[in-house]
Every structure is written in C-alpha cells, then in structure tokens.
Amino acid sequence: MISGRANNGWVIWVSLSVALLLSIAPMPANTELARPLWLGMFIAYWAITLPHRGGMAAAFFFGLMLDVLAGTLLGQNGLPLLLVTFLVLSLNQRLRMFPLLQQSLVLLVILGLGQLVHLWLNTLTGNRPPTLLFLVPVPVSALLWPWVFVALQWARRRFNVY
C-alpha cells in the first residue's frame, strides 16, 4: 500500500548534492574542459523516472547552488538547468520508452541546447569563450548517460524511491 506521503525523497536530494560536488570537484587542467554536466544528467534522470518528484524547483535551486560555489552570476547555471528540466519533462513519455542509446542521443540535443543558453548568458556578461570547445562536455555527458542511468536506477530501487 502506497501512502500519500513521500517515500525516501532524501535519496533524490543526496544524489543531486553528489552531482553538485562532482560539478565543482577539482580535475586535472587538461581534462577540465571535458567535465561532464553532472547536474544536468542527474536532474534529467529524476525528471524522466519520477516526473512528479524531480521538478524545476530542484533544478533551479541546485543551479543557484552551483552559481554560488563556482562564483558566477546568480542564475547563470540555473537557467540552463531549468531549460533542460523543462525539455525533459515535456518529452517525458517518449524518453521513458526509448532505450538508453536513444535517450543518450536525445539528451545530447537537450544538454547541447542548455550549453548554448549558457553560452548566451556568458556572452551577456562578457565572458564569451573564443572557440566551440564549450560544447565538449555535451558528448561526454551523452556517453556517460547509460552508466549514470544504471547507477541512479540501482539507487532508486535499493532505497525504494517512488
């Protein structure tokens, strides 16, 4: 019997906190450019599997937290995460039917749009990158998506999050 009360919602918040930490963790200088979009992937997972639990408020909150921790303008990471979450929630029924490879390709496009919004916001603040290397995290994230999906699926089933 499922009660009306939320069940193990802390797992979602802990996983998003881990994604936030992975987003700011130090990396070697030569791999910093290819840092996966951890928050985008984790929020997309929760929006696909539990659309009633993984919402836009969490995306904007963790985007603002990333802004604070990275020292960027408030909303510079929150707005692209809102766009990613909105698109995933809009395509939720289709994404749930797709196999992981096809989900990766759709997320490649969605995360790419998020990066373009991030570029636009950077351009407005005067920090435009000179090359298209800002798009490198998008295919890296799409390649990592099946493993992220499987790991979060295991955690969701292990802790009985619904």
Protein backbone atom coordinates (compact mmCIF):
# COMPACT_ATOMS: atom_id res chain seq x y z
CA MET A 1 0.00 0.00 0.00
CA ILE A 2 1.39 3.37 -1.03
CA SER A 3 0.64 6.22 1.29
CA GLY A 4 0.25 9.80 0.16
CA ARG A 5 3.48 10.66 1.95
CA ALA A 6 6.73 10.98 0.03
CA ASN A 7 8.97 7.96 0.31
CA ASN A 8 12.74 8.35 0.68
CA GLY A 9 12.91 11.72 -1.02
CA TRP A 10 16.23 12.28 0.68
CA VAL A 11 17.83 9.96 -1.92
CA ILE A 12 16.98 12.47 -4.65
CA TRP A 13 18.47 15.36 -2.67
CA VAL A 14 21.60 13.38 -1.78
CA SER A 15 22.13 12.34 -5.40
CA LEU A 16 21.73 15.92 -6.59
CA SER A 17 24.16 17.05 -3.89
CA VAL A 18 26.67 14.46 -5.13
CA ALA A 19 26.18 15.80 -8.67
CA LEU A 20 26.80 19.31 -7.36
CA LEU A 21 30.02 18.17 -5.70
CA LEU A 22 31.12 16.37 -8.87
CA SER A 23 30.46 19.59 -10.80
CA ILE A 24 32.91 21.58 -8.68
CA ALA A 25 35.45 18.89 -7.77
CA PRO A 26 38.99 19.70 -8.88
CA MET A 27 40.17 17.97 -12.04
CA PRO A 28 43.47 17.96 -13.91
CA ALA A 29 43.84 21.01 -16.13
CA ASN A 30 43.82 19.04 -19.37
CA THR A 31 40.53 17.27 -18.51
CA GLU A 32 38.73 20.28 -17.02
CA LEU A 33 37.40 21.19 -20.45
CA ALA A 34 35.58 17.85 -20.79
CA ARG A 35 33.90 17.89 -17.36
CA PRO A 36 30.53 16.14 -17.75
CA LEU A 37 27.36 18.07 -17.00
CA TRP A 38 26.64 16.10 -13.83
CA LEU A 39 23.78 18.24 -12.56
CA GLY A 40 22.07 18.18 -15.94
CA MET A 41 22.30 14.39 -16.15
CA PHE A 42 21.13 13.74 -12.59
CA ILE A 43 18.22 16.17 -12.86
CA ALA A 44 17.29 14.67 -16.23
CA TYR A 45 17.25 11.19 -14.67
CA TRP A 46 14.91 12.21 -11.86
CA ALA A 47 12.70 14.12 -14.30
CA ILE A 48 12.44 11.04 -16.54
CA THR A 49 11.84 8.41 -13.89
CA LEU A 50 9.89 10.41 -11.30
CA PRO A 51 8.46 13.49 -13.04
CA HIS A 52 6.30 14.30 -10.03
CA ARG A 53 9.37 14.38 -7.75
CA GLY A 54 12.21 15.72 -9.91
CA GLY A 55 10.99 19.15 -10.81
CA MET A 56 12.02 22.55 -11.97
CA ALA A 57 12.32 23.99 -8.48
CA ALA A 58 15.07 21.50 -7.61
CA ALA A 59 16.84 22.25 -10.89
CA PHE A 60 16.83 25.99 -10.26
CA PHE A 61 17.85 25.57 -6.61
CA PHE A 62 20.83 23.38 -7.46
CA GLY A 63 21.71 25.69 -10.36
CA LEU A 64 21.83 28.59 -7.91
CA MET A 65 23.95 26.49 -5.54
CA LEU A 66 26.36 25.82 -8.42
CA ASP A 67 26.44 29.55 -9.14
CA VAL A 68 27.34 30.29 -5.54
CA LEU A 69 30.02 27.60 -5.38
CA ALA A 70 31.51 28.45 -8.78
CA GLY A 71 31.42 32.20 -8.16
CA THR A 72 29.35 33.02 -11.25
CA LEU A 73 26.37 35.35 -11.52
CA LEU A 74 23.21 34.04 -9.90
CA GLY A 75 21.08 32.27 -12.48
CA GLN A 76 23.89 31.62 -14.94
CA ASN A 77 23.71 27.87 -14.26
CA GLY A 78 20.14 27.84 -13.00
CA LEU A 79 18.53 28.98 -16.27
CA PRO A 80 20.18 26.31 -18.47
CA LEU A 81 19.21 23.65 -15.90
CA LEU A 82 15.64 24.95 -15.98
CA LEU A 83 15.61 24.59 -19.76
CA VAL A 84 17.00 21.06 -19.58
CA THR A 85 14.41 20.08 -16.97
CA PHE A 86 11.57 21.67 -18.93
CA LEU A 87 12.53 19.84 -22.13
CA VAL A 88 12.95 16.51 -20.34
CA LEU A 89 9.60 16.91 -18.61
CA SER A 90 7.99 17.85 -21.92
CA LEU A 91 9.40 14.73 -23.60
CA ASN A 92 8.98 12.52 -20.55
CA GLN A 93 6.59 9.92 -22.01
CA ARG A 94 8.72 9.48 -25.12
CA LEU A 95 12.01 9.34 -23.24
CA ARG A 96 10.71 6.61 -20.95
CA MET A 97 10.01 4.36 -23.94
CA PHE A 98 13.40 4.90 -25.59
CA PRO A 99 16.32 2.53 -24.99
CA LEU A 100 19.37 4.02 -23.27
CA LEU A 101 21.25 4.68 -26.51
CA GLN A 102 18.36 6.67 -27.92
CA GLN A 103 17.94 8.51 -24.61
CA SER A 104 21.63 9.44 -24.87
CA LEU A 105 21.07 10.95 -28.31
CA VAL A 106 18.05 12.96 -27.14
CA LEU A 107 19.98 14.14 -24.08
CA LEU A 108 22.84 15.12 -26.40
CA VAL A 109 20.48 17.59 -28.06
CA ILE A 110 18.85 18.77 -24.82
CA LEU A 111 22.14 19.28 -22.99
CA GLY A 112 23.53 20.97 -26.11
CA LEU A 113 20.66 23.46 -26.01
CA GLY A 114 21.41 24.03 -22.34
CA GLN A 115 25.04 24.74 -23.17
CA LEU A 116 24.00 27.18 -25.88
CA VAL A 117 21.86 29.05 -23.36
CA HIS A 118 24.85 29.02 -21.01
CA LEU A 119 26.98 30.47 -23.83
CA TRP A 120 24.39 33.18 -24.42
CA LEU A 121 24.41 34.10 -20.73
CA ASN A 122 28.22 34.13 -20.73
CA THR A 123 28.18 36.41 -23.77
CA LEU A 124 25.83 38.80 -22.00
CA THR A 125 28.27 39.01 -19.09
CA GLY A 126 31.28 39.49 -21.38
CA ASN A 127 32.85 36.07 -20.82
CA ARG A 128 32.33 34.53 -24.23
CA PRO A 129 34.72 31.65 -24.98
CA PRO A 130 36.68 32.17 -28.23
CA THR A 131 36.05 28.65 -29.62
CA LEU A 132 33.38 25.98 -29.73
CA LEU A 133 35.16 23.96 -27.04
CA PHE A 134 32.41 24.86 -24.57
CA LEU A 135 30.36 22.11 -26.29
CA VAL A 136 32.85 19.33 -25.38
CA PRO A 137 31.01 18.40 -22.13
CA VAL A 138 27.83 17.62 -24.09
CA PRO A 139 29.05 14.47 -25.95
CA VAL A 140 30.98 13.40 -22.84
CA SER A 141 27.76 13.59 -20.84
CA ALA A 142 25.84 11.72 -23.54
CA LEU A 143 28.45 8.95 -23.46
CA LEU A 144 28.22 8.72 -19.67
CA TRP A 145 24.41 8.74 -19.63
CA PRO A 146 23.90 4.92 -19.68
CA TRP A 147 26.16 4.47 -16.65
CA VAL A 148 24.58 7.35 -14.77
CA PHE A 149 21.12 5.97 -15.56
CA VAL A 150 22.02 2.48 -14.35
CA ALA A 151 23.67 3.78 -11.15
CA LEU A 152 20.74 6.03 -10.25
CA GLN A 153 18.26 3.29 -11.19
CA TRP A 154 20.05 0.98 -8.75
CA ALA A 155 19.90 3.62 -6.00
CA ARG A 156 16.22 4.28 -6.68
CA ARG A 157 15.36 0.60 -6.42
CA ARG A 158 17.67 -0.03 -3.48
CA PHE A 159 16.12 2.72 -1.39
CA ASN A 160 12.60 2.21 -2.77
CA VAL A 161 12.13 5.78 -4.02
CA TYR A 162 8.78 6.33 -5.71
